[in-house]
Structures are given as structure tokens and as C-alpha cells.
Protein backbone atom coordinates (compact mmCIF):
# COMPACT_ATOMS: atom_id res chain seq x y z
CA UNK A 1 -10.10 -24.88 -26.39
CA UNK A 2 -11.46 -23.16 -23.20
CA UNK A 3 -9.63 -23.20 -19.65
CA UNK A 4 -11.77 -22.56 -16.87
CA UNK A 5 -11.16 -22.48 -13.83
CA UNK A 6 -12.40 -24.81 -11.28
CA UNK A 7 -12.09 -22.83 -6.84
CA UNK A 8 -14.22 -22.76 -3.93
CA UNK A 9 -13.89 -22.65 -0.84
CA UNK A 10 -11.01 -25.05 1.81
CA UNK A 11 -13.10 -28.14 2.55
CA UNK A 12 -16.05 -27.12 -0.06
CA UNK A 13 -14.63 -30.48 -2.36
CA UNK A 14 -13.40 -29.10 -5.51
CA UNK A 15 -10.99 -32.03 -5.53
CA UNK A 16 -13.49 -34.13 -5.94
CA UNK A 17 -15.33 -32.22 -8.44
CA UNK A 18 -11.85 -32.06 -9.78
CA UNK A 19 -11.56 -35.72 -10.43
CA UNK A 20 -14.60 -36.34 -11.50
CA UNK A 21 -13.81 -33.35 -14.56
CA UNK A 22 -10.77 -35.95 -15.34
CA UNK A 23 -12.52 -39.16 -15.18
CA UNK A 24 -15.48 -37.94 -17.74
CA UNK A 25 -11.45 -37.25 -19.85
CA UNK A 26 -10.89 -33.89 -19.20
CA UNK A 27 -7.67 -32.19 -18.84
CA UNK A 28 -7.34 -30.88 -15.23
CA UNK A 29 -4.33 -29.64 -13.80
CA UNK A 30 -3.94 -28.49 -10.09
CA UNK A 31 -2.34 -25.04 -8.63
CA UNK A 32 -1.28 -26.64 -5.47
CA UNK A 33 0.67 -29.90 -7.20
CA UNK A 34 2.16 -26.54 -9.44
CA UNK A 35 3.21 -25.00 -6.12
CA UNK A 36 4.46 -27.79 -4.83
CA UNK A 37 7.06 -28.32 -7.83
CA UNK A 38 7.44 -25.19 -7.69
CA UNK A 39 10.04 -25.17 -4.33
CA UNK A 40 10.76 -28.89 -4.99
CA UNK A 41 14.18 -30.19 -3.95
CA UNK A 42 16.52 -28.63 -6.38
CA UNK A 43 14.82 -25.59 -7.89
CA UNK A 44 15.52 -21.98 -7.80
CA UNK A 45 12.40 -21.92 -5.33
CA UNK A 46 13.54 -24.21 -2.65
CA UNK A 47 16.28 -21.87 -2.00
CA UNK A 48 14.28 -19.50 -2.01
CA UNK A 49 12.05 -20.64 0.62
CA UNK A 50 14.70 -22.21 2.58
CA UNK A 51 16.90 -18.63 2.71
CA UNK A 52 13.86 -16.78 3.55
CA UNK A 53 11.85 -18.88 6.61
CA UNK A 54 15.63 -21.04 7.59
CA UNK A 55 15.67 -24.91 7.51
CA UNK A 56 13.47 -24.81 10.65
CA UNK A 57 10.68 -25.88 7.16
CA UNK A 58 13.10 -28.84 6.60
CA UNK A 59 12.19 -32.17 7.00
CA UNK A 60 13.84 -34.67 6.06
CA UNK A 61 16.15 -32.34 3.42
CA UNK A 62 12.96 -31.49 1.57
CA UNK A 63 10.27 -28.75 2.27
CA UNK A 64 7.14 -29.98 5.46
CA UNK A 65 4.46 -28.10 3.91
CA UNK A 66 2.86 -28.04 7.46
CA UNK A 67 5.09 -26.21 9.12
CA UNK A 68 5.24 -23.95 6.15
CA UNK A 69 1.93 -23.38 6.15
CA UNK A 70 1.16 -22.63 10.15
CA UNK A 71 4.74 -20.69 9.55
CA UNK A 72 2.33 -17.96 7.29
CA UNK A 73 -1.39 -18.62 7.57
CA UNK A 74 -0.29 -16.81 11.16
CA UNK A 75 2.01 -14.44 10.16
CA UNK A 76 0.84 -11.68 6.36
CA UNK A 77 4.63 -10.56 5.76
CA UNK A 78 6.09 -13.66 5.49
CA UNK A 79 2.61 -14.91 3.11
CA UNK A 80 3.50 -12.05 0.64
CA UNK A 81 7.16 -12.90 1.26
CA UNK A 82 5.97 -16.77 0.55
CA UNK A 83 3.35 -15.39 -2.77
CA UNK A 84 6.20 -13.85 -4.18
CA UNK A 85 8.79 -17.10 -4.52
CA UNK A 86 5.68 -19.37 -5.82
CA UNK A 87 3.05 -17.00 -7.53
CA UNK A 88 5.28 -16.28 -10.78
CA UNK A 89 6.38 -19.75 -10.41
CA UNK A 90 2.71 -21.48 -11.28
CA UNK A 91 2.44 -18.77 -13.35
CA UNK A 92 4.70 -19.99 -16.13
CA UNK A 93 4.47 -23.39 -15.07
CA UNK A 94 0.54 -23.30 -15.66
CA UNK A 95 1.07 -21.00 -19.09
CA UNK A 96 3.03 -24.04 -20.06
CA UNK A 97 0.53 -26.74 -19.61
CA UNK A 98 -1.49 -24.64 -21.70
CA UNK A 99 0.66 -24.46 -24.72
CA UNK A 100 0.74 -28.59 -24.47
CA UNK A 101 -3.37 -29.11 -23.87
CA UNK A 102 -4.69 -30.26 -27.04
CA UNK A 103 -6.07 -27.38 -28.86
CA UNK A 104 -9.50 -29.02 -29.16
CA UNK A 105 -9.59 -30.17 -25.31
CA UNK A 106 -11.09 -27.69 -22.63
CA UNK A 107 -8.56 -27.70 -19.69
CA UNK A 108 -9.51 -27.31 -16.11
CA UNK A 109 -7.58 -25.53 -13.74
CA UNK A 110 -8.00 -26.25 -10.36
CA UNK A 111 -7.39 -23.29 -8.36
CA UNK A 112 -8.30 -22.45 -4.79
CA UNK A 113 -6.89 -18.96 -4.67
CA UNK A 114 -9.01 -17.72 -7.70
CA UNK A 115 -10.44 -14.36 -6.86
CA UNK A 116 -7.59 -13.71 -3.80
CA UNK A 117 -4.79 -13.63 -6.63
CA UNK A 118 -7.06 -11.42 -9.32
CA UNK A 119 -6.85 -13.89 -12.18
CA UNK A 120 -10.72 -14.24 -12.48
CA UNK A 121 -9.70 -12.59 -16.37
CA UNK A 122 -7.49 -15.17 -17.33
CA UNK A 123 -10.17 -18.01 -17.55
CA UNK A 124 -12.99 -17.79 -20.38
CA UNK A 125 -15.25 -19.88 -17.57
CA UNK A 126 -15.32 -20.11 -14.41
CA UNK A 127 -17.43 -22.81 -11.76
CA UNK A 128 -16.94 -22.70 -8.12
CA UNK A 129 -17.99 -25.34 -5.57
CA UNK A 130 -19.02 -24.50 -2.13
CA UNK A 131 -20.70 -25.92 0.42
CA UNK A 132 -22.39 -24.23 4.23
CA UNK A 133 -19.34 -23.39 6.55
CA UNK A 134 -20.30 -26.17 9.16
CA UNK A 135 -20.02 -28.97 6.85
CA UNK A 136 -16.75 -27.51 5.56
CA UNK A 137 -15.49 -27.75 8.73
CA UNK A 138 -17.30 -30.69 9.96
CA UNK A 139 -14.96 -32.35 6.57
CA UNK A 140 -12.17 -30.52 7.95
CA UNK A 141 -12.24 -32.07 11.76
CA UNK A 142 -12.59 -35.44 10.40
CA UNK A 143 -9.65 -34.58 7.73
CA UNK A 144 -7.41 -34.01 10.58
CA UNK A 145 -7.28 -30.75 10.92
CA UNK A 146 -7.67 -28.97 14.24
CA UNK A 147 -9.91 -25.73 14.50
CA UNK A 148 -7.35 -22.95 15.11
CA UNK A 149 -6.09 -24.18 11.62
CA UNK A 150 -9.49 -23.92 9.91
CA UNK A 151 -9.68 -20.85 11.35
CA UNK A 152 -7.04 -18.84 10.29
CA UNK A 153 -7.70 -21.05 6.66
CA UNK A 154 -11.15 -19.31 6.43
CA UNK A 155 -9.48 -16.66 7.16
CA UNK A 156 -6.72 -15.60 4.05
CA UNK A 157 -9.64 -16.85 1.67
CA UNK A 158 -12.82 -14.57 0.81
CA UNK A 159 -16.23 -15.52 1.30
CA UNK A 160 -18.39 -17.82 -1.16
CA UNK A 161 -19.96 -14.75 -1.85
CA UNK A 162 -17.57 -13.17 -4.00
CA UNK A 163 -16.56 -16.49 -5.20
CA UNK A 164 -20.60 -17.17 -6.79
CA UNK A 165 -20.44 -13.56 -7.61
CA UNK A 166 -17.93 -13.97 -10.56
CA UNK A 167 -18.35 -17.92 -11.64
CA UNK A 168 -20.43 -18.92 -14.79
CA UNK A 169 -21.36 -21.61 -12.92
CA UNK A 170 -22.17 -22.78 -8.70
CA UNK A 171 -21.84 -26.42 -8.20
CA UNK A 172 -23.73 -27.22 -4.12
CA UNK A 173 -21.46 -30.14 -2.94
CA UNK A 174 -24.00 -29.91 0.42
CA UNK A 175 -25.48 -33.51 -0.62
CA UNK A 176 -24.14 -36.70 -1.44
CA UNK A 177 -21.22 -37.94 -3.67
CA UNK A 178 -23.69 -38.98 -6.22
CA UNK A 179 -25.45 -35.60 -6.20
CA UNK A 180 -22.00 -33.80 -6.71
CA UNK A 181 -21.54 -36.26 -9.96
CA UNK A 182 -25.39 -35.97 -11.15
CA UNK A 183 -24.76 -31.89 -11.15
CA UNK A 184 -20.77 -32.19 -12.58
CA UNK A 185 -21.88 -34.15 -15.58
CA UNK A 186 -24.82 -32.05 -16.42
CA UNK A 187 -22.49 -28.93 -16.33
CA UNK A 188 -19.61 -30.90 -18.35
CA UNK A 189 -22.63 -31.87 -20.42
CA UNK A 190 -24.42 -28.72 -20.84
CA UNK A 191 -23.02 -24.75 -20.07
CA UNK A 192 -19.17 -26.25 -21.24
CA UNK A 193 -19.68 -28.44 -23.89
CA UNK A 194 -22.02 -25.34 -25.42
CA UNK A 195 -18.46 -23.25 -25.00
CA UNK A 196 -16.98 -24.91 -27.90
CA UNK A 197 -19.39 -22.58 -30.52
CA UNK A 198 -19.24 -19.75 -28.22
CA UNK A 199 -16.83 -16.73 -28.10
CA UNK A 200 -14.10 -16.12 -25.13
CA UNK A 201 -15.36 -13.97 -22.19
């Protein structure tokens, strides 16, 4: 089994690529989903986040992720505090997901902050999804995000060049979904299929 990182900047389309890989029969684990589990109501992570940020981040008893995001993306110290709570728990959850995965099957980990968390060395193969920044902004605006929020998210992620530098494969998402799917299929049937007979990084 090889563990493959799937990364990319916000709005690049990595979630769509992850969906395509899943439809090809690959086990895909989403770091954002693990982060939600790490601080779900009733967990120690939930209690620590509420203790640090106060009940103003709650909505109907659950953490309002949008309200929390607005705080941490405007305050580097708050962001570091949140990461200190979430990241160790996410790492444990991911380690368990690797153990639970069938040994003969590759696992793809959708991890937006691969470079930012200095995690590249933990993976056998790295794929990054990239797109022109103007196109990414257009997509995020269509999702209902405000331009100020988009700029804040961009500021908290490394530039495309940093992801491309550490990637084994780059998927460009500047066209339509058919073109994107073809890239995913070619990668899965080509270089990723060849990983089974290669050594680790």
C-alpha cells in the first residue's frame, strides 16, 4: 500500500479530483473531515476550542466553523492556538485510517495544508491540483465567499510554486471537468499504478 497526498490551493479543485479518485475505487480520506471530527460536540477537542475561543463560536450547541474561521484567519496567534488543538488529533485519526485501510490498496489523503504543515516526507507520492489564481477567485466567489475572506485564505496558504516544487505530479484544473477527469484517470492508470512496483520516497 502507498499513501498518496492530494493537495492544492483553495479553489483549485482538489475536492473534485478527490471525488474522481473515489469513483475510480480509491479510498480517499479528507483532512478537513478529520478536523471536523476532532472538534465535534462531546469531544475533548470541542471542549478545548470552546475554552479558548468562548461560546461566541457556538451555534445551536455546535461549533460554527464559519465564525471560528473568521477569528483565526484574522489573528495569527488564534490560528496557532487552534492548530495546536486540532493538528495532533487529526494526525492520530489519519494514522488510524492508514491502519484500517486494506494493505493492498493505495490510500489518498486530501490535505490542503501539506506544505504549510511540513508533512510532505510522510507520503509515498504527492499530487497537487493547480489553477490560475483569477479562476480560483471566480470559483470561490461563485461559492458565496467574500473577496476579503478569499484574500485571507490565500494569505494563509503557500504560493502554487511551493506546492509544485514538492509534487510528484501536477494536475492543472483550468479547463472543463472532462479534461480534469482524463488527467486523473491517466495519472491513476499510469504513474500511481506503477507505484506498486516501486520503493517508497
